[in-house]
Amino acid sequence: FWVMSKRPRFADEHSLEFTAGEETIRIGEARYAAKPARNMEYLNYEIARKDLEQIAKQTRVTARLGAYEFVFTRSQLLGLANLLLVTDPAWQK
């Protein structure tokens, strides 16, 4: 994630978890960096493909990033499902 903000929002708390259906998927802490002069924060996570697949097949997914919560739109979930489809190793030659 690249966060544009005049003040750091995730410096102290940047754990990430998803609620996908009835399941909670804990990703954990980010590799965090900030560039205050550019009003930018960078949060990098390693997310397993199986977790992305679990997220993409749900109809309601909430992401909790630090103290903030976001709800995925249907269009965002469809985009994630399409990304997983085109990057499926089973289809690679």
PDB file of N, CA and C in Angstrom:
ATOM      1  N   PHE A   1       0.842  -1.174   0.000  1.00  0.00           N
ATOM      2  CA  PHE A   1       0.000   0.000   0.000  1.00  0.00           C
ATOM      3  C   PHE A   1       0.885   1.235   0.000  1.00  0.00           C
ATOM      4  N   TRP A   2       0.528   2.221  -0.781  1.00  0.00           N
ATOM      5  CA  TRP A   2       1.147   3.538  -0.723  1.00  0.00           C
ATOM      6  C   TRP A   2       0.078   4.467  -0.171  1.00  0.00           C
ATOM      7  N   VAL A   3       0.382   5.117   0.918  1.00  0.00           N
ATOM      8  CA  VAL A   3      -0.587   5.991   1.580  1.00  0.00           C
ATOM      9  C   VAL A   3      -0.116   7.429   1.434  1.00  0.00           C
ATOM     10  N   MET A   4      -0.968   8.253   0.853  1.00  0.00           N
ATOM     11  CA  MET A   4      -0.667   9.679   0.729  1.00  0.00           C
ATOM     12  C   MET A   4      -1.359  10.393   1.889  1.00  0.00           C
ATOM     13  N   SER A   5      -0.561  11.031   2.725  1.00  0.00           N
ATOM     14  CA  SER A   5      -1.119  11.687   3.894  1.00  0.00           C
ATOM     15  C   SER A   5      -0.147  12.747   4.388  1.00  0.00           C
ATOM     16  N   LYS A   6      -0.665  13.863   4.829  1.00  0.00           N
ATOM     17  CA  LYS A   6       0.200  14.928   5.344  1.00  0.00           C
ATOM     18  C   LYS A   6       0.804  14.569   6.694  1.00  0.00           C
ATOM     19  N   ARG A   7       0.196  13.593   7.369  1.00  0.00           N
ATOM     20  CA  ARG A   7       0.755  13.114   8.640  1.00  0.00           C
ATOM     21  C   ARG A   7       0.696  11.584   8.644  1.00  0.00           C
ATOM     22  N   PRO A   8       1.640  10.937   9.281  1.00  0.00           N
ATOM     23  CA  PRO A   8       1.637   9.472   9.310  1.00  0.00           C
ATOM     24  C   PRO A   8       0.377   8.921   9.982  1.00  0.00           C
ATOM     25  N   ARG A   9      -0.270   7.993   9.307  1.00  0.00           N
ATOM     26  CA  ARG A   9      -1.461   7.350   9.865  1.00  0.00           C
ATOM     27  C   ARG A   9      -1.154   5.944  10.369  1.00  0.00           C
ATOM     28  N   PHE A  10      -0.104   5.326   9.843  1.00  0.00           N
ATOM     29  CA  PHE A  10       0.158   3.923  10.144  1.00  0.00           C
ATOM     30  C   PHE A  10       1.523   3.679  10.775  1.00  0.00           C
ATOM     31  N   ALA A  11       2.211   4.716  11.206  1.00  0.00           N
ATOM     32  CA  ALA A  11       3.560   4.553  11.769  1.00  0.00           C
ATOM     33  C   ALA A  11       3.556   3.662  13.009  1.00  0.00           C
ATOM     34  N   ASP A  12       2.592   3.844  13.883  1.00  0.00           N
ATOM     35  CA  ASP A  12       2.566   3.099  15.140  1.00  0.00           C
ATOM     36  C   ASP A  12       1.835   1.767  15.038  1.00  0.00           C
ATOM     37  N   GLU A  13       0.842   1.689  14.197  1.00  0.00           N
ATOM     38  CA  GLU A  13       0.022   0.474  14.108  1.00  0.00           C
ATOM     39  C   GLU A  13      -0.241   0.174  12.639  1.00  0.00           C
ATOM     40  N   HIS A  14       0.335  -0.914  12.138  1.00  0.00           N
ATOM     41  CA  HIS A  14       0.142  -1.249  10.739  1.00  0.00           C
ATOM     42  C   HIS A  14      -0.053  -2.751  10.510  1.00  0.00           C
ATOM     43  N   SER A  15      -0.686  -3.400  11.478  1.00  0.00           N
ATOM     44  CA  SER A  15      -1.038  -4.799  11.262  1.00  0.00           C
ATOM     45  C   SER A  15      -2.228  -4.861  10.305  1.00  0.00           C
ATOM     46  N   LEU A  16      -2.313  -5.952   9.560  1.00  0.00           N
ATOM     47  CA  LEU A  16      -3.371  -6.121   8.564  1.00  0.00           C
ATOM     48  C   LEU A  16      -4.075  -7.448   8.791  1.00  0.00           C
ATOM     49  N   GLU A  17      -5.403  -7.397   8.755  1.00  0.00           N
ATOM     50  CA  GLU A  17      -6.188  -8.623   8.785  1.00  0.00           C
ATOM     51  C   GLU A  17      -7.441  -8.427   7.952  1.00  0.00           C
ATOM     52  N   PHE A  18      -7.920  -9.531   7.416  1.00  0.00           N
ATOM     53  CA  PHE A  18      -9.130  -9.533   6.611  1.00  0.00           C
ATOM     54  C   PHE A  18     -10.174 -10.391   7.298  1.00  0.00           C
ATOM     55  N   THR A  19     -11.424  -9.976   7.211  1.00  0.00           N
ATOM     56  CA  THR A  19     -12.539 -10.815   7.595  1.00  0.00           C
ATOM     57  C   THR A  19     -13.244 -11.161   6.290  1.00  0.00           C
ATOM     58  N   ALA A  20     -13.156 -12.443   5.932  1.00  0.00           N
ATOM     59  CA  ALA A  20     -13.711 -12.937   4.675  1.00  0.00           C
ATOM     60  C   ALA A  20     -14.754 -13.994   5.020  1.00  0.00           C
ATOM     61  N   GLY A  21     -16.017 -13.620   4.889  1.00  0.00           N
ATOM     62  CA  GLY A  21     -17.073 -14.525   5.325  1.00  0.00           C
ATOM     63  C   GLY A  21     -16.985 -14.670   6.830  1.00  0.00           C
ATOM     64  N   GLU A  22     -16.868 -15.890   7.301  1.00  0.00           N
ATOM     65  CA  GLU A  22     -16.762 -16.163   8.747  1.00  0.00           C
ATOM     66  C   GLU A  22     -15.311 -16.317   9.194  1.00  0.00           C
ATOM     67  N   GLU A  23     -14.382 -16.200   8.267  1.00  0.00           N
ATOM     68  CA  GLU A  23     -12.977 -16.457   8.558  1.00  0.00           C
ATOM     69  C   GLU A  23     -12.185 -15.162   8.717  1.00  0.00           C
ATOM     70  N   THR A  24     -11.276 -15.156   9.692  1.00  0.00           N
ATOM     71  CA  THR A  24     -10.353 -14.044   9.863  1.00  0.00           C
ATOM     72  C   THR A  24      -8.992 -14.494   9.362  1.00  0.00           C
ATOM     73  N   ILE A  25      -8.423 -13.689   8.473  1.00  0.00           N
ATOM     74  CA  ILE A  25      -7.110 -13.985   7.901  1.00  0.00           C
ATOM     75  C   ILE A  25      -6.149 -12.917   8.400  1.00  0.00           C
ATOM     76  N   ARG A  26      -5.246 -13.323   9.286  1.00  0.00           N
ATOM     77  CA  ARG A  26      -4.287 -12.380   9.858  1.00  0.00           C
ATOM     78  C   ARG A  26      -3.018 -12.384   9.025  1.00  0.00           C
ATOM     79  N   ILE A  27      -2.694 -11.247   8.473  1.00  0.00           N
ATOM     80  CA  ILE A  27      -1.492 -11.108   7.649  1.00  0.00           C
ATOM     81  C   ILE A  27      -0.314 -10.692   8.515  1.00  0.00           C
ATOM     82  N   GLY A  28      -0.560  -9.826   9.471  1.00  0.00           N
ATOM     83  CA  GLY A  28       0.492  -9.404  10.388  1.00  0.00           C
ATOM     84  C   GLY A  28       1.013  -8.006  10.091  1.00  0.00           C
ATOM     85  N   GLU A  29       2.224  -7.766  10.563  1.00  0.00           N
ATOM     86  CA  GLU A  29       2.825  -6.437  10.468  1.00  0.00           C
ATOM     87  C   GLU A  29       3.395  -6.177   9.079  1.00  0.00           C
ATOM     88  N   ALA A  30       3.422  -4.930   8.722  1.00  0.00           N
ATOM     89  CA  ALA A  30       3.982  -4.504   7.437  1.00  0.00           C
ATOM     90  C   ALA A  30       5.475  -4.252   7.567  1.00  0.00           C
ATOM     91  N   ARG A  31       6.140  -4.316   6.433  1.00  0.00           N
ATOM     92  CA  ARG A  31       7.451  -3.685   6.340  1.00  0.00           C
ATOM     93  C   ARG A  31       7.106  -2.228   6.045  1.00  0.00           C
ATOM     94  N   TYR A  32       7.424  -1.360   6.984  1.00  0.00           N
ATOM     95  CA  TYR A  32       6.934   0.021   6.965  1.00  0.00           C
ATOM     96  C   TYR A  32       8.069   0.985   6.655  1.00  0.00           C
ATOM     97  N   ALA A  33       7.773   1.963   5.826  1.00  0.00           N
ATOM     98  CA  ALA A  33       8.711   3.062   5.556  1.00  0.00           C
ATOM     99  C   ALA A  33       7.882   4.319   5.313  1.00  0.00           C
ATOM    100  N   ALA A  34       8.456   5.450   5.637  1.00  0.00           N
ATOM    101  CA  ALA A  34       7.770   6.721   5.414  1.00  0.00           C
ATOM    102  C   ALA A  34       8.716   7.713   4.751  1.00  0.00           C
ATOM    103  N   LYS A  35       8.147   8.578   3.935  1.00  0.00           N
ATOM    104  CA  LYS A  35       8.876   9.682   3.328  1.00  0.00           C
ATOM    105  C   LYS A  35       8.082  10.948   3.629  1.00  0.00           C
ATOM    106  N   PRO A  36       8.292  11.524   4.824  1.00  0.00           N
ATOM    107  CA  PRO A  36       7.498  12.682   5.234  1.00  0.00           C
ATOM    108  C   PRO A  36       7.569  13.859   4.267  1.00  0.00           C
ATOM    109  N   ALA A  37       8.708  14.081   3.655  1.00  0.00           N
ATOM    110  CA  ALA A  37       8.841  15.207   2.724  1.00  0.00           C
ATOM    111  C   ALA A  37       7.937  15.034   1.503  1.00  0.00           C
ATOM    112  N   ARG A  38       7.574  13.786   1.200  1.00  0.00           N
ATOM    113  CA  ARG A  38       6.696  13.502   0.061  1.00  0.00           C
ATOM    114  C   ARG A  38       5.280  13.153   0.500  1.00  0.00           C
ATOM    115  N   ASN A  39       5.014  13.263   1.825  1.00  0.00           N
ATOM    116  CA  ASN A  39       3.691  12.921   2.368  1.00  0.00           C
ATOM    117  C   ASN A  39       3.284  11.496   2.001  1.00  0.00           C
ATOM    118  N   MET A  40       4.229  10.553   2.139  1.00  0.00           N
ATOM    119  CA  MET A  40       3.977   9.168   1.745  1.00  0.00           C
ATOM    120  C   MET A  40       4.357   8.196   2.855  1.00  0.00           C
ATOM    121  N   GLU A  41       3.547   7.156   2.979  1.00  0.00           N
ATOM    122  CA  GLU A  41       3.869   5.998   3.814  1.00  0.00           C
ATOM    123  C   GLU A  41       3.791   4.777   2.901  1.00  0.00           C
ATOM    124  N   TYR A  42       4.678   3.833   3.142  1.00  0.00           N
ATOM    125  CA  TYR A  42       4.702   2.601   2.371  1.00  0.00           C
ATOM    126  C   TYR A  42       4.509   1.428   3.329  1.00  0.00           C
ATOM    127  N   LEU A  43       3.542   0.584   3.018  1.00  0.00           N
ATOM    128  CA  LEU A  43       3.287  -0.605   3.830  1.00  0.00           C
ATOM    129  C   LEU A  43       3.325  -1.809   2.899  1.00  0.00           C
ATOM    130  N   ASN A  44       4.271  -2.699   3.149  1.00  0.00           N
ATOM    131  CA  ASN A  44       4.435  -3.885   2.315  1.00  0.00           C
ATOM    132  C   ASN A  44       4.136  -5.133   3.127  1.00  0.00           C
ATOM    133  N   TYR A  45       3.310  -6.004   2.544  1.00  0.00           N
ATOM    134  CA  TYR A  45       2.904  -7.251   3.189  1.00  0.00           C
ATOM    135  C   TYR A  45       3.180  -8.424   2.258  1.00  0.00           C
ATOM    136  N   GLU A  46       3.437  -9.559   2.847  1.00  0.00           N
ATOM    137  CA  GLU A  46       3.475 -10.810   2.084  1.00  0.00           C
ATOM    138  C   GLU A  46       2.164 -11.527   2.361  1.00  0.00           C
ATOM    139  N   ILE A  47       1.394 -11.729   1.297  1.00  0.00           N
ATOM    140  CA  ILE A  47       0.084 -12.376   1.429  1.00  0.00           C
ATOM    141  C   ILE A  47       0.106 -13.645   0.585  1.00  0.00           C
ATOM    142  N   ALA A  48      -0.188 -14.762   1.207  1.00  0.00           N
ATOM    143  CA  ALA A  48      -0.182 -16.046   0.509  1.00  0.00           C
ATOM    144  C   ALA A  48      -1.301 -16.099  -0.529  1.00  0.00           C
ATOM    145  N   ARG A  49      -1.025 -16.759  -1.618  1.00  0.00           N
ATOM    146  CA  ARG A  49      -2.016 -16.910  -2.680  1.00  0.00           C
ATOM    147  C   ARG A  49      -3.302 -17.556  -2.163  1.00  0.00           C
ATOM    148  N   LYS A  50      -3.169 -18.553  -1.287  1.00  0.00           N
ATOM    149  CA  LYS A  50      -4.367 -19.214  -0.742  1.00  0.00           C
ATOM    150  C   LYS A  50      -5.236 -18.224   0.027  1.00  0.00           C
ATOM    151  N   ASP A  51      -4.618 -17.253   0.699  1.00  0.00           N
ATOM    152  CA  ASP A  51      -5.385 -16.231   1.419  1.00  0.00           C
ATOM    153  C   ASP A  51      -6.090 -15.297   0.437  1.00  0.00           C
ATOM    154  N   LEU A  52      -5.406 -14.928  -0.634  1.00  0.00           N
ATOM    155  CA  LEU A  52      -6.046 -14.085  -1.658  1.00  0.00           C
ATOM    156  C   LEU A  52      -7.214 -14.817  -2.311  1.00  0.00           C
ATOM    157  N   GLU A  53      -7.052 -16.123  -2.541  1.00  0.00           N
ATOM    158  CA  GLU A  53      -8.146 -16.914  -3.114  1.00  0.00           C
ATOM    159  C   GLU A  53      -9.345 -16.951  -2.170  1.00  0.00           C
ATOM    160  N   GLN A  54      -9.090 -17.103  -0.883  1.00  0.00           N
ATOM    161  CA  GLN A  54     -10.171 -17.116   0.110  1.00  0.00           C
ATOM    162  C   GLN A  54     -10.900 -15.772   0.122  1.00  0.00           C
ATOM    163  N   ILE A  55     -10.138 -14.693   0.028  1.00  0.00           N
ATOM    164  CA  ILE A  55     -10.730 -13.354   0.016  1.00  0.00           C
ATOM    165  C   ILE A  55     -11.571 -13.152  -1.239  1.00  0.00           C
ATOM    166  N   ALA A  56     -11.021 -13.522  -2.398  1.00  0.00           N
ATOM    167  CA  ALA A  56     -11.679 -13.258  -3.682  1.00  0.00           C
ATOM    168  C   ALA A  56     -12.993 -14.001  -3.854  1.00  0.00           C
ATOM    169  N   LYS A  57     -13.166 -15.135  -3.183  1.00  0.00           N
ATOM    170  CA  LYS A  57     -14.402 -15.910  -3.391  1.00  0.00           C
ATOM    171  C   LYS A  57     -15.547 -15.492  -2.466  1.00  0.00           C
ATOM    172  N   GLN A  58     -15.323 -14.531  -1.615  1.00  0.00           N
ATOM    173  CA  GLN A  58     -16.359 -14.073  -0.690  1.00  0.00           C
ATOM    174  C   GLN A  58     -17.184 -12.944  -1.306  1.00  0.00           C
ATOM    175  N   THR A  59     -18.340 -12.697  -0.733  1.00  0.00           N
ATOM    176  CA  THR A  59     -19.174 -11.584  -1.188  1.00  0.00           C
ATOM    177  C   THR A  59     -19.020 -10.361  -0.285  1.00  0.00           C
ATOM    178  N   ARG A  60     -18.506 -10.579   0.925  1.00  0.00           N
ATOM    179  CA  ARG A  60     -18.269  -9.449   1.845  1.00  0.00           C
ATOM    180  C   ARG A  60     -16.921  -9.668   2.515  1.00  0.00           C
ATOM    181  N   VAL A  61     -16.040  -8.694   2.313  1.00  0.00           N
ATOM    182  CA  VAL A  61     -14.706  -8.755   2.902  1.00  0.00           C
ATOM    183  C   VAL A  61     -14.387  -7.406   3.520  1.00  0.00           C
ATOM    184  N   THR A  62     -13.908  -7.468   4.745  1.00  0.00           N
ATOM    185  CA  THR A  62     -13.469  -6.270   5.449  1.00  0.00           C
ATOM    186  C   THR A  62     -11.973  -6.389   5.697  1.00  0.00           C
ATOM    187  N   ALA A  63     -11.259  -5.303   5.438  1.00  0.00           N
ATOM    188  CA  ALA A  63      -9.833  -5.243   5.752  1.00  0.00           C
ATOM    189  C   ALA A  63      -9.655  -4.312   6.929  1.00  0.00           C
ATOM    190  N   ARG A  64      -8.878  -4.732   7.897  1.00  0.00           N
ATOM    191  CA  ARG A  64      -8.558  -3.898   9.053  1.00  0.00           C
ATOM    192  C   ARG A  64      -7.066  -3.619   8.995  1.00  0.00           C
ATOM    193  N   LEU A  65      -6.716  -2.368   8.766  1.00  0.00           N
ATOM    194  CA  LEU A  65      -5.331  -1.933   8.644  1.00  0.00           C
ATOM    195  C   LEU A  65      -5.064  -0.913   9.738  1.00  0.00           C
ATOM    196  N   GLY A  66      -4.302  -1.350  10.745  1.00  0.00           N
ATOM    197  CA  GLY A  66      -4.100  -0.487  11.901  1.00  0.00           C
ATOM    198  C   GLY A  66      -5.437  -0.197  12.562  1.00  0.00           C
ATOM    199  N   ALA A  67      -5.742   1.070  12.750  1.00  0.00           N
ATOM    200  CA  ALA A  67      -6.993   1.468  13.384  1.00  0.00           C
ATOM    201  C   ALA A  67      -8.116   1.722  12.376  1.00  0.00           C
ATOM    202  N   TYR A  68      -7.852   1.477  11.107  1.00  0.00           N
ATOM    203  CA  TYR A  68      -8.809   1.785  10.046  1.00  0.00           C
ATOM    204  C   TYR A  68      -9.433   0.509   9.501  1.00  0.00           C
ATOM    205  N   GLU A  69     -10.668   0.642   9.005  1.00  0.00           N
ATOM    206  CA  GLU A  69     -11.375  -0.500   8.456  1.00  0.00           C
ATOM    207  C   GLU A  69     -11.931  -0.124   7.082  1.00  0.00           C
ATOM    208  N   PHE A  70     -11.812  -1.064   6.134  1.00  0.00           N
ATOM    209  CA  PHE A  70     -12.264  -0.845   4.775  1.00  0.00           C
ATOM    210  C   PHE A  70     -13.108  -2.042   4.348  1.00  0.00           C
ATOM    211  N   VAL A  71     -14.141  -1.785   3.563  1.00  0.00           N
ATOM    212  CA  VAL A  71     -14.971  -2.853   3.019  1.00  0.00           C
ATOM    213  C   VAL A  71     -14.717  -2.908   1.514  1.00  0.00           C
ATOM    214  N   PHE A  72     -14.386  -4.107   1.017  1.00  0.00           N
ATOM    215  CA  PHE A  72     -14.155  -4.280  -0.408  1.00  0.00           C
ATOM    216  C   PHE A  72     -15.471  -4.157  -1.163  1.00  0.00           C
ATOM    217  N   THR A  73     -15.434  -3.518  -2.327  1.00  0.00           N
ATOM    218  CA  THR A  73     -16.602  -3.491  -3.199  1.00  0.00           C
ATOM    219  C   THR A  73     -16.638  -4.790  -4.001  1.00  0.00           C
ATOM    220  N   ARG A  74     -17.775  -5.099  -4.567  1.00  0.00           N
ATOM    221  CA  ARG A  74     -17.897  -6.295  -5.416  1.00  0.00           C
ATOM    222  C   ARG A  74     -16.929  -6.196  -6.587  1.00  0.00           C
ATOM    223  N   SER A  75     -16.798  -5.001  -7.135  1.00  0.00           N
ATOM    224  CA  SER A  75     -15.889  -4.786  -8.258  1.00  0.00           C
ATOM    225  C   SER A  75     -14.432  -5.059  -7.865  1.00  0.00           C
ATOM    226  N   GLN A  76     -14.042  -4.666  -6.673  1.00  0.00           N
ATOM    227  CA  GLN A  76     -12.684  -4.930  -6.204  1.00  0.00           C
ATOM    228  C   GLN A  76     -12.440  -6.427  -6.020  1.00  0.00           C
ATOM    229  N   LEU A  77     -13.426  -7.127  -5.467  1.00  0.00           N
ATOM    230  CA  LEU A  77     -13.289  -8.576  -5.301  1.00  0.00           C
ATOM    231  C   LEU A  77     -13.225  -9.280  -6.651  1.00  0.00           C
ATOM    232  N   LEU A  78     -14.001  -8.827  -7.621  1.00  0.00           N
ATOM    233  CA  LEU A  78     -13.952  -9.392  -8.965  1.00  0.00           C
ATOM    234  C   LEU A  78     -12.586  -9.132  -9.599  1.00  0.00           C
ATOM    235  N   GLY A  79     -12.039  -7.940  -9.403  1.00  0.00           N
ATOM    236  CA  GLY A  79     -10.710  -7.625  -9.921  1.00  0.00           C
ATOM    237  C   GLY A  79      -9.647  -8.540  -9.325  1.00  0.00           C
ATOM    238  N   LEU A  80      -9.751  -8.806  -8.035  1.00  0.00           N
ATOM    239  CA  LEU A  80      -8.806  -9.709  -7.375  1.00  0.00           C
ATOM    240  C   LEU A  80      -8.956 -11.127  -7.928  1.00  0.00           C
ATOM    241  N   ALA A  81     -10.194 -11.576  -8.112  1.00  0.00           N
ATOM    242  CA  ALA A  81     -10.431 -12.911  -8.671  1.00  0.00           C
ATOM    243  C   ALA A  81      -9.860 -13.015 -10.086  1.00  0.00           C
ATOM    244  N   ASN A  82     -10.015 -11.963 -10.886  1.00  0.00           N
ATOM    245  CA  ASN A  82      -9.471 -11.966 -12.238  1.00  0.00           C
ATOM    246  C   ASN A  82      -7.946 -11.972 -12.226  1.00  0.00           C
ATOM    247  N   LEU A  83      -7.346 -11.229 -11.319  1.00  0.00           N
ATOM    248  CA  LEU A  83      -5.884 -11.231 -11.187  1.00  0.00           C
ATOM    249  C   LEU A  83      -5.386 -12.632 -10.839  1.00  0.00           C
ATOM    250  N   LEU A  84      -6.062 -13.289  -9.908  1.00  0.00           N
ATOM    251  CA  LEU A  84      -5.677 -14.651  -9.540  1.00  0.00           C
ATOM    252  C   LEU A  84      -5.813 -15.602 -10.720  1.00  0.00           C
ATOM    253  N   LEU A  85      -6.839 -15.403 -11.532  1.00  0.00           N
ATOM    254  CA  LEU A  85      -7.048 -16.266 -12.690  1.00  0.00           C
ATOM    255  C   LEU A  85      -5.911 -16.119 -13.704  1.00  0.00           C
ATOM    256  N   VAL A  86      -5.544 -14.900 -14.041  1.00  0.00           N
ATOM    257  CA  VAL A  86      -4.509 -14.704 -15.062  1.00  0.00           C
ATOM    258  C   VAL A  86      -3.103 -15.018 -14.548  1.00  0.00           C
ATOM    259  N   THR A  87      -2.940 -15.109 -13.240  1.00  0.00           N
ATOM    260  CA  THR A  87      -1.620 -15.441 -12.685  1.00  0.00           C
ATOM    261  C   THR A  87      -1.561 -16.860 -12.140  1.00  0.00           C
ATOM    262  N   ASP A  88      -2.571 -17.670 -12.452  1.00  0.00           N
ATOM    263  CA  ASP A  88      -2.624 -19.049 -11.965  1.00  0.00           C
ATOM    264  C   ASP A  88      -1.473 -19.851 -12.557  1.00  0.00           C
ATOM    265  N   PRO A  89      -0.598 -20.395 -11.686  1.00  0.00           N
ATOM    266  CA  PRO A  89       0.535 -21.176 -12.191  1.00  0.00           C
ATOM    267  C   PRO A  89       0.122 -22.391 -13.016  1.00  0.00           C
ATOM    268  N   ALA A  90      -1.070 -22.905 -12.826  1.00  0.00           N
ATOM    269  CA  ALA A  90      -1.540 -24.058 -13.587  1.00  0.00           C
ATOM    270  C   ALA A  90      -1.710 -23.715 -15.076  1.00  0.00           C
ATOM    271  N   TRP A  91      -1.871 -22.442 -15.380  1.00  0.00           N
ATOM    272  CA  TRP A  91      -2.076 -22.010 -16.767  1.00  0.00           C
ATOM    273  C   TRP A  91      -0.785 -21.552 -17.421  1.00  0.00           C
ATOM    274  N   GLN A  92       0.308 -21.513 -16.658  1.00  0.00           N
ATOM    275  CA  GLN A  92       1.588 -21.062 -17.201  1.00  0.00           C
ATOM    276  C   GLN A  92       2.238 -22.188 -17.996  1.00  0.00           C
ATOM    277  N   LYS A  93       2.911 -21.849 -19.067  1.00  0.00           N
ATOM    278  CA  LYS A  93       3.617 -22.854 -19.869  1.00  0.00           C
ATOM    279  C   LYS A  93       5.096 -22.646 -19.755  1.00  0.00           C
TER     280      LYS A  93
END
